[in-house]
Protein backbone atom coordinates (compact mmCIF):
# COMPACT_ATOMS: atom_id res chain seq x y z
CA GLN A 1 -37.38 84.86 21.57
CA GLY A 2 -34.79 82.98 19.66
CA GLN A 3 -31.29 81.62 20.54
CA VAL A 4 -28.14 83.59 20.37
CA ARG A 5 -24.79 82.09 19.40
CA GLU A 6 -21.43 83.58 18.98
CA SER A 7 -18.47 82.15 16.82
CA GLY A 8 -15.18 83.24 15.39
CA GLY A 9 -12.98 83.19 18.70
CA GLY A 10 -9.70 81.63 18.81
CA LEU A 11 -5.98 82.17 19.39
CA VAL A 12 -4.37 85.23 17.70
CA GLN A 13 -1.18 87.06 17.99
CA PRO A 14 -0.55 90.45 19.38
CA GLY A 15 -1.35 92.96 16.62
CA GLY A 16 -3.48 90.60 14.85
CA SER A 17 -7.14 90.74 13.81
CA LEU A 18 -10.25 88.79 14.39
CA ARG A 19 -13.98 88.90 13.47
CA LEU A 20 -16.60 87.66 15.72
CA SER A 21 -20.16 86.73 14.53
CA CYS A 22 -23.39 86.73 16.63
CA GLU A 23 -26.47 85.09 15.16
CA VAL A 24 -29.79 85.15 16.47
CA SER A 25 -31.75 82.09 15.25
CA GLY A 26 -35.17 80.88 15.75
CA SER A 27 -36.88 84.17 15.90
CA ALA A 28 -38.81 85.97 13.26
CA VAL A 29 -38.28 89.28 15.20
CA ARG A 30 -35.30 91.34 13.97
CA ILE A 31 -33.45 92.57 16.93
CA ALA A 32 -32.85 96.28 16.96
CA ASN A 33 -30.43 96.48 19.93
CA MET A 34 -27.39 94.18 20.15
CA ALA A 35 -24.32 94.32 22.01
CA TRP A 36 -20.74 92.72 22.67
CA TYR A 37 -19.45 92.31 26.15
CA ARG A 38 -16.44 90.48 27.41
CA LEU A 39 -15.35 88.94 30.60
CA ALA A 40 -11.63 88.22 31.61
CA PRO A 41 -10.53 86.37 34.59
CA GLY A 42 -10.44 88.45 37.84
CA LYS A 43 -12.16 91.42 35.89
CA GLN A 44 -15.72 92.85 35.73
CA ARG A 45 -17.86 92.22 32.63
CA GLU A 46 -16.96 95.06 30.13
CA LEU A 47 -18.94 96.53 27.23
CA VAL A 48 -17.02 96.16 24.05
CA GLY A 49 -19.61 97.72 21.86
CA ARG A 50 -23.15 97.97 20.78
CA ILE A 51 -25.49 98.70 18.01
CA ILE A 52 -28.58 100.75 18.71
CA GLN A 53 -31.73 100.93 16.74
CA TRP A 54 -30.13 99.21 13.75
CA ARG A 55 -27.46 101.71 12.88
CA ASP A 56 -25.87 103.80 15.66
CA THR A 57 -22.77 102.24 17.29
CA ASP A 58 -21.13 102.84 20.65
CA TYR A 59 -17.73 101.39 21.88
CA GLY A 60 -16.01 100.79 25.21
CA ASP A 61 -13.12 103.14 25.98
CA SER A 62 -10.61 100.26 25.91
CA VAL A 63 -11.40 99.11 22.28
CA ARG A 64 -12.48 102.35 20.78
CA GLY A 65 -10.69 102.90 17.44
CA ARG A 66 -9.64 99.30 17.24
CA CYS A 67 -13.25 97.69 16.76
CA THR A 68 -16.12 97.97 14.45
CA ILE A 69 -19.51 96.64 14.76
CA SER A 70 -21.57 95.88 11.68
CA ARG A 71 -24.82 93.89 11.23
CA ASP A 72 -26.77 91.97 8.55
CA ARG A 73 -30.53 92.54 9.25
CA VAL A 74 -31.44 89.78 6.95
CA LYS A 75 -29.47 87.29 8.70
CA ASN A 76 -30.25 88.69 12.21
CA THR A 77 -26.45 88.73 12.74
CA ILE A 78 -24.02 91.24 14.01
CA TYR A 79 -20.27 91.19 13.52
CA LEU A 80 -17.36 92.59 15.73
CA GLU A 81 -14.19 93.30 13.82
CA MET A 82 -11.21 93.72 16.21
CA ASN A 83 -7.84 94.97 15.05
CA ASP A 84 -4.40 95.53 16.68
CA LEU A 85 -5.36 92.93 19.31
CA LYS A 86 -3.52 93.07 22.63
CA PRO A 87 -3.02 90.44 25.28
CA GLU A 88 -5.41 92.40 27.52
CA ASP A 89 -8.06 91.74 25.00
CA THR A 90 -8.03 88.13 26.05
CA ALA A 91 -11.53 87.18 27.58
CA VAL A 92 -14.69 85.44 26.76
CA TYR A 93 -16.81 87.46 24.43
CA TYR A 94 -20.51 87.39 24.91
CA CYS A 95 -23.36 88.71 22.73
CA LEU A 96 -26.42 90.23 23.99
CA ALA A 97 -29.46 90.37 21.72
CA ALA A 98 -32.21 92.33 23.49
CA THR A 99 -32.22 90.44 26.76
CA VAL A 100 -30.84 87.09 25.64
CA TRP A 101 -27.22 86.14 26.06
CA GLY A 102 -25.25 83.84 24.16
CA PRO A 103 -22.85 81.21 25.57
CA GLY A 104 -19.67 83.14 24.67
CA THR A 105 -16.68 82.49 22.67
CA GLN A 106 -13.09 82.63 23.85
CA VAL A 107 -10.59 84.97 22.38
CA THR A 108 -6.83 84.59 23.50
CA VAL A 109 -4.27 87.00 22.48
CA SER A 110 -0.84 85.54 22.96
CA SER A 111 2.47 85.00 21.10
């Protein structure tokens, strides 16, 4: 089934940009459907965006227009490019590959 691991989180100033990566390792299967979710303290888990059947993308209302998901099929990796980050984007970002979750990566937006 493979393992899922996110990377690229960190501290960024408001208005800044960040690119998160999600790699599926240990699996010969190329995952057709992958998604990014986030969880902030005191809030419910929220869909950030997803890529469906290799190419179609869909984004959550709170990030639409500021985020782009792309993928590298050879590397079995997807990326989340986030721009114009706001303090309310602070959360742990999780990758879901088919039915497997990664451990998450912290994104903090603060001056």
